[in-house]
């Protein structure tokens, strides 16, 4: 049973990691910092817009707004940093970019309730 749970986690992990990995790949292959940052920042930003539009309005709770700002800013920053560091095209900075991808996934999973 645990093996099946593990097998279902792999595609979910790959799907979540695809957003910052795209920024990493754009930064690595194009060496354009602006394009890599844009690719890393836009998907979480669009996700935020979709969430806001689907809920109809913001909840009136201040704690929800604070938590949402921290959560989405963490996703936006780590996605942008993954592309930024990969655009240097150096091995050490690529490792930092890959660390940002892992951090992105951890932040994303922490928002699931």
Protein backbone atom coordinates (compact mmCIF):
# COMPACT_ATOMS: atom_id res chain seq x y z
CA UNK A 1 0.00 0.00 0.00
CA UNK A 2 2.81 2.42 0.81
CA UNK A 3 4.41 1.74 -2.55
CA UNK A 4 1.22 2.83 -4.33
CA UNK A 5 1.18 6.06 -2.34
CA UNK A 6 4.78 6.63 -3.36
CA UNK A 7 3.95 5.98 -7.01
CA UNK A 8 1.13 8.52 -6.94
CA UNK A 9 3.36 11.09 -5.28
CA UNK A 10 5.95 11.04 -8.09
CA UNK A 11 3.67 12.50 -10.83
CA UNK A 12 2.33 15.08 -8.39
CA UNK A 13 5.87 16.12 -7.45
CA UNK A 14 6.88 16.38 -11.12
CA UNK A 15 3.81 18.46 -11.95
CA UNK A 16 4.44 20.89 -9.11
CA UNK A 17 8.16 21.10 -9.87
CA UNK A 18 7.46 21.81 -13.56
CA UNK A 19 6.84 25.51 -12.89
CA UNK A 20 10.25 26.40 -11.41
CA UNK A 21 11.98 23.81 -13.62
CA UNK A 22 10.75 25.70 -16.67
CA UNK A 23 12.32 28.86 -15.27
CA UNK A 24 15.52 26.94 -14.57
CA UNK A 25 15.64 25.60 -18.12
CA UNK A 26 14.88 28.98 -19.69
CA UNK A 27 17.63 30.57 -17.63
CA UNK A 28 20.12 27.82 -18.41
CA UNK A 29 19.57 27.70 -22.16
CA UNK A 30 18.87 31.35 -23.00
CA UNK A 31 21.09 32.97 -20.34
CA UNK A 32 18.52 35.76 -20.22
CA UNK A 33 17.91 36.81 -16.65
CA UNK A 34 14.77 38.79 -17.42
CA UNK A 35 13.12 35.97 -19.37
CA UNK A 36 14.05 33.40 -16.73
CA UNK A 37 12.70 35.53 -13.90
CA UNK A 38 9.49 36.19 -15.86
CA UNK A 39 8.96 32.47 -16.47
CA UNK A 40 9.54 31.80 -12.78
CA UNK A 41 7.29 34.59 -11.52
CA UNK A 42 4.31 34.44 -13.88
CA UNK A 43 2.87 30.96 -13.11
CA UNK A 44 2.47 31.57 -9.33
CA UNK A 45 1.18 35.06 -10.06
CA UNK A 46 -1.40 33.67 -12.49
CA UNK A 47 -2.30 31.03 -9.91
CA UNK A 48 -2.98 33.81 -7.41
CA UNK A 49 -5.20 35.63 -9.89
CA UNK A 50 -7.13 32.43 -10.65
CA UNK A 51 -7.67 31.77 -6.94
CA UNK A 52 -8.91 35.30 -6.37
CA UNK A 53 -11.28 35.17 -9.34
CA UNK A 54 -12.68 31.74 -8.41
CA UNK A 55 -13.39 32.69 -4.81
CA UNK A 56 -15.34 35.75 -5.91
CA UNK A 57 -13.86 38.01 -3.28
CA UNK A 58 -11.27 38.12 -0.57
CA UNK A 59 -12.25 36.67 2.78
CA UNK A 60 -12.55 39.41 5.35
CA UNK A 61 -10.10 37.78 7.74
CA UNK A 62 -6.81 39.63 8.12
CA UNK A 63 -4.98 36.44 9.01
CA UNK A 64 -6.05 34.84 5.70
CA UNK A 65 -4.73 37.80 3.74
CA UNK A 66 -1.44 37.75 5.64
CA UNK A 67 -1.03 34.00 5.18
CA UNK A 68 -1.90 34.20 1.48
CA UNK A 69 0.59 37.02 0.90
CA UNK A 70 3.37 35.07 2.60
CA UNK A 71 2.51 31.88 0.71
CA UNK A 72 2.25 33.39 -2.76
CA UNK A 73 5.23 35.69 -2.31
CA UNK A 74 7.30 32.64 -1.31
CA UNK A 75 6.23 30.87 -4.49
CA UNK A 76 6.89 33.92 -6.65
CA UNK A 77 10.31 34.63 -5.14
CA UNK A 78 11.59 31.05 -5.27
CA UNK A 79 10.37 30.59 -8.85
CA UNK A 80 12.08 33.80 -9.95
CA UNK A 81 15.28 32.96 -8.10
CA UNK A 82 15.44 29.53 -9.76
CA UNK A 83 15.49 31.20 -13.18
CA UNK A 84 17.82 33.96 -12.04
CA UNK A 85 20.49 31.66 -10.68
CA UNK A 86 20.25 29.28 -13.63
CA UNK A 87 20.82 32.15 -16.06
CA UNK A 88 24.40 32.50 -14.84
CA UNK A 89 25.15 29.11 -16.45
CA UNK A 90 27.58 28.06 -13.73
CA UNK A 91 27.51 24.76 -11.89
CA UNK A 92 27.39 26.25 -8.39
CA UNK A 93 24.57 28.64 -9.25
CA UNK A 94 22.70 25.80 -10.99
CA UNK A 95 22.79 23.88 -7.72
CA UNK A 96 21.36 26.93 -5.95
CA UNK A 97 18.66 27.12 -8.64
CA UNK A 98 17.81 23.47 -8.13
CA UNK A 99 17.60 24.15 -4.40
CA UNK A 100 15.09 26.89 -5.19
CA UNK A 101 13.05 24.34 -7.15
CA UNK A 102 12.98 22.04 -4.13
CA UNK A 103 12.07 24.97 -1.88
CA UNK A 104 9.27 25.92 -4.29
CA UNK A 105 7.81 22.42 -4.05
CA UNK A 106 8.07 22.46 -0.25
CA UNK A 107 6.32 25.84 -0.05
CA UNK A 108 3.65 24.70 -2.49
CA UNK A 109 2.96 21.54 -0.51
CA UNK A 110 2.85 23.48 2.75
CA UNK A 111 -0.15 25.45 1.45
CA UNK A 112 -2.30 22.35 0.98
CA UNK A 113 -4.73 21.91 3.86
